[in-house]
Protein backbone atom coordinates (compact mmCIF):
# COMPACT_ATOMS: atom_id res chain seq x y z
CA GLU A 1 -8.07 6.98 8.59
CA ALA A 2 -9.31 7.44 5.01
CA LEU A 3 -5.89 6.43 3.65
CA ASP A 4 -6.00 3.31 5.77
CA ARG A 5 -9.49 2.48 4.47
CA GLU A 6 -8.13 2.66 0.90
CA ARG A 7 -5.31 0.28 1.84
CA LEU A 8 -7.71 -2.11 3.54
CA ASP A 9 -10.16 -2.06 0.60
CA ILE A 10 -7.35 -3.04 -1.76
CA ALA A 11 -6.12 -5.76 0.58
CA GLN A 12 -9.64 -7.15 0.91
CA ALA A 13 -9.85 -7.50 -2.87
CA LEU A 14 -6.50 -9.30 -3.03
CA LEU A 15 -6.53 -11.53 0.05
CA ASP A 16 -8.63 -14.49 1.01
CA PRO A 17 -10.87 -13.83 4.04
CA ASP A 18 -8.59 -15.67 6.50
CA ASP A 19 -5.53 -13.65 5.51
CA TYR A 20 -7.52 -10.42 5.44
CA SER A 21 -8.81 -11.04 8.96
CA GLN A 22 -5.19 -11.08 10.19
CA LEU A 23 -4.43 -7.67 8.67
CA LYS A 24 -4.04 -4.86 11.20
CA THR A 25 -5.49 -1.41 10.82
CA LEU A 26 -3.16 1.55 11.18
CA ARG A 27 -4.72 2.21 14.58
CA GLN A 28 -3.98 -1.38 15.69
CA HIS A 29 -0.39 -1.10 14.45
CA PHE A 30 0.28 1.99 16.56
CA GLN A 31 -1.65 0.68 19.57
CA GLN A 32 0.34 -2.55 19.58
CA GLY A 33 3.69 -1.09 18.63
CA PHE A 34 3.73 1.93 20.91
CA LEU A 35 1.18 1.27 23.66
CA GLY A 36 1.67 -2.49 23.94
CA GLN A 37 -2.00 -3.35 23.42
CA GLN A 38 -2.28 -6.87 22.07
CA SER A 39 -6.04 -7.26 21.67
CA PHE A 40 -8.49 -4.95 19.99
CA ASP A 41 -12.21 -4.41 20.24
CA GLU A 42 -14.23 -4.72 17.06
CA GLU A 43 -15.12 -1.05 17.41
CA GLU A 44 -11.44 -0.22 17.00
CA ASP A 45 -11.16 -2.30 13.83
CA ASP A 46 -13.16 0.12 11.75
CA GLY A 47 -11.31 3.21 12.95
CA GLY A 48 -14.62 4.57 14.19
CA ASP A 49 -15.12 7.98 15.77
CA ASP A 50 -15.68 6.44 19.23
CA ASN A 51 -11.95 5.90 19.51
CA GLY A 52 -10.82 9.31 18.27
CA SER A 53 -8.61 10.04 15.33
CA ILE A 54 -5.13 8.76 14.56
CA SER A 55 -3.99 12.22 15.62
CA ASP A 56 -5.60 11.62 19.04
CA LEU A 57 -3.86 8.25 19.25
CA MET A 58 -0.50 9.88 18.44
CA GLN A 59 -1.14 12.32 21.29
CA GLN A 60 -1.81 9.38 23.64
CA ILE A 61 1.43 7.74 22.54
CA TYR A 62 3.32 10.97 23.20
CA GLU A 63 1.71 11.33 26.64
CA HIS A 64 2.86 7.78 27.49
CA GLY A 65 6.42 8.89 26.75
CA LYS A 66 6.67 6.78 23.62
CA ASP A 67 7.00 9.47 21.00
CA VAL A 68 7.04 8.37 17.37
CA HIS A 69 10.36 9.88 16.37
CA GLY A 70 10.51 10.89 12.75
CA PRO A 71 13.02 12.50 10.43
CA ASN A 72 14.38 15.97 11.14
CA THR A 73 14.75 17.01 7.51
CA ALA A 74 12.65 16.79 4.36
CA ASP A 75 15.40 14.78 2.63
CA THR A 76 14.43 11.42 4.08
CA ARG A 77 13.90 7.94 2.70
CA TYR A 78 10.41 8.05 4.20
CA VAL A 79 9.60 10.26 1.22
CA THR A 80 12.23 9.53 -1.42
CA GLU A 81 11.77 5.75 -1.22
CA ASP A 82 8.33 5.22 0.29
CA VAL A 83 6.49 7.52 -2.12
CA PRO A 84 7.72 5.98 -5.40
CA PHE A 85 7.85 2.39 -4.16
CA GLY A 86 5.18 2.27 -1.45
CA LEU A 87 2.47 4.69 -2.51
CA ALA A 88 2.96 3.93 -6.21
CA LEU A 89 2.52 0.21 -5.55
CA THR A 90 -0.66 0.87 -3.57
CA VAL A 91 -2.03 2.99 -6.43
CA ALA A 92 -1.14 0.31 -9.02
CA LEU A 93 -2.71 -2.49 -6.96
CA GLY A 94 -5.82 -0.38 -6.40
CA ASN A 95 -6.17 0.14 -10.14
CA LEU A 96 -5.67 -3.57 -10.75
CA VAL A 97 -8.51 -4.55 -8.40
CA GLN A 98 -10.70 -1.60 -9.46
CA ARG A 99 -10.52 0.06 -6.05
CA PRO A 100 -8.71 3.30 -6.89
CA ALA A 101 -6.42 4.68 -4.21
CA THR A 102 -7.28 8.29 -4.94
CA LEU A 103 -5.88 9.68 -1.69
CA HIS A 104 -2.62 7.76 -2.12
CA LYS A 105 -2.34 9.09 -5.68
CA ALA A 106 -3.07 12.64 -4.51
CA GLY A 107 -0.38 12.26 -1.86
CA MET A 108 2.10 11.19 -4.53
CA GLN A 109 1.19 14.21 -6.65
CA ILE A 110 1.53 16.61 -3.72
CA MET A 111 4.89 15.14 -2.70
CA SER A 112 6.08 15.29 -6.32
CA ALA A 113 5.17 18.97 -6.47
CA MET A 114 6.83 19.70 -3.13
CA TYR A 115 10.06 17.93 -4.07
CA GLU A 116 9.95 19.02 -7.72
CA ARG A 117 10.36 15.42 -8.91
CA ASP A 118 8.08 12.90 -10.54
CA PHE A 119 7.99 10.16 -7.92
CA ALA A 120 5.64 7.99 -9.99
CA SER A 121 8.19 7.75 -12.81
CA GLU A 122 10.99 6.80 -10.39
CA ASN A 123 9.48 3.36 -9.79
CA ASP A 124 10.99 1.09 -12.42
CA LEU A 125 9.56 -2.10 -10.93
CA LEU A 126 5.84 -1.68 -11.58
CA ALA A 127 6.16 -1.79 -15.38
CA SER A 128 8.60 -4.74 -15.22
CA LEU A 129 6.10 -6.68 -13.14
CA GLY A 130 3.23 -5.75 -15.42
CA LEU A 131 1.38 -3.93 -12.66
CA LEU A 132 0.66 -0.83 -14.70
CA ASP A 133 -1.81 -2.69 -16.94
CA SER A 134 -4.96 -2.69 -14.84
CA SER A 135 -6.85 -4.82 -17.39
CA SER A 136 -4.93 -8.03 -16.79
CA SER A 137 -7.01 -10.70 -15.07
CA CYS A 138 -4.04 -13.05 -15.35
CA ARG A 139 -1.81 -10.68 -13.36
CA LEU A 140 -4.50 -10.32 -10.71
CA GLU A 141 -4.74 -14.11 -10.34
CA GLU A 142 -0.96 -14.32 -9.94
CA LEU A 143 -1.11 -11.72 -7.18
CA ARG A 144 -3.84 -13.62 -5.38
CA GLU A 145 -1.91 -16.90 -5.63
CA GLY A 146 1.33 -15.26 -4.51
CA VAL A 147 3.20 -16.45 -7.59
CA MET A 148 4.34 -13.96 -10.17
CA GLU A 149 6.48 -14.70 -13.17
CA THR A 150 9.15 -12.08 -13.71
CA GLY A 151 11.29 -11.28 -16.70
CA TYR A 152 14.50 -13.06 -17.48
CA LEU A 153 17.43 -12.52 -19.84
CA GLY A 154 16.58 -8.84 -20.01
CA ARG A 155 13.03 -9.50 -21.23
CA PRO A 156 10.21 -7.75 -19.40
CA ALA A 157 7.84 -9.89 -17.36
CA VAL A 158 4.95 -8.91 -19.64
CA ALA A 159 6.66 -10.48 -22.66
CA VAL A 160 7.28 -13.70 -20.72
CA LEU A 161 3.65 -13.85 -19.59
CA GLU A 162 2.29 -13.24 -23.08
CA GLU A 163 3.99 -16.43 -24.21
CA GLU A 164 2.51 -18.50 -21.41
CA GLU A 165 -0.72 -20.34 -21.89
CA GLY A 166 -3.75 -18.81 -20.19
CA CYS A 167 -2.48 -15.23 -20.21
CA GLU A 168 -3.69 -14.07 -23.60
CA ASP A 169 -5.18 -10.90 -22.11
CA MET A 170 -1.75 -9.37 -21.51
């Protein structure tokens, strides 16, 4: 639940209120996807204790015969792809909007230690998109507008943006 709160805090900083109101919590995702529930009480939206933990929800899903089947080995894309490209993106966006994703970052560090690899360094997209510079107000505005200039002719996106008017802070 705490990981989901980090994700939602970052999304709230990036999205306009209408788009944010459409965002599902992790609880809602599993309730809809595995239990078929289409509507949710406001109490469920905050992941409150009245509804039990995500672990309790997973137990309910299992009891309904709709087990969430996962990988059988540690060598799975759910780690080797999702950690460097999913968690790393969440951490970068959190830094950009000054809502650090400390649990996501800790998860990346733990997974890196377990797999004896540096998952953070395996993501070659964040630097190209200029998402590792958390001081860029121009980059943040592009994210909010849904338009992001990327590099071309082998030039990194940051170099392209520096040349554009209004992005002197890059």
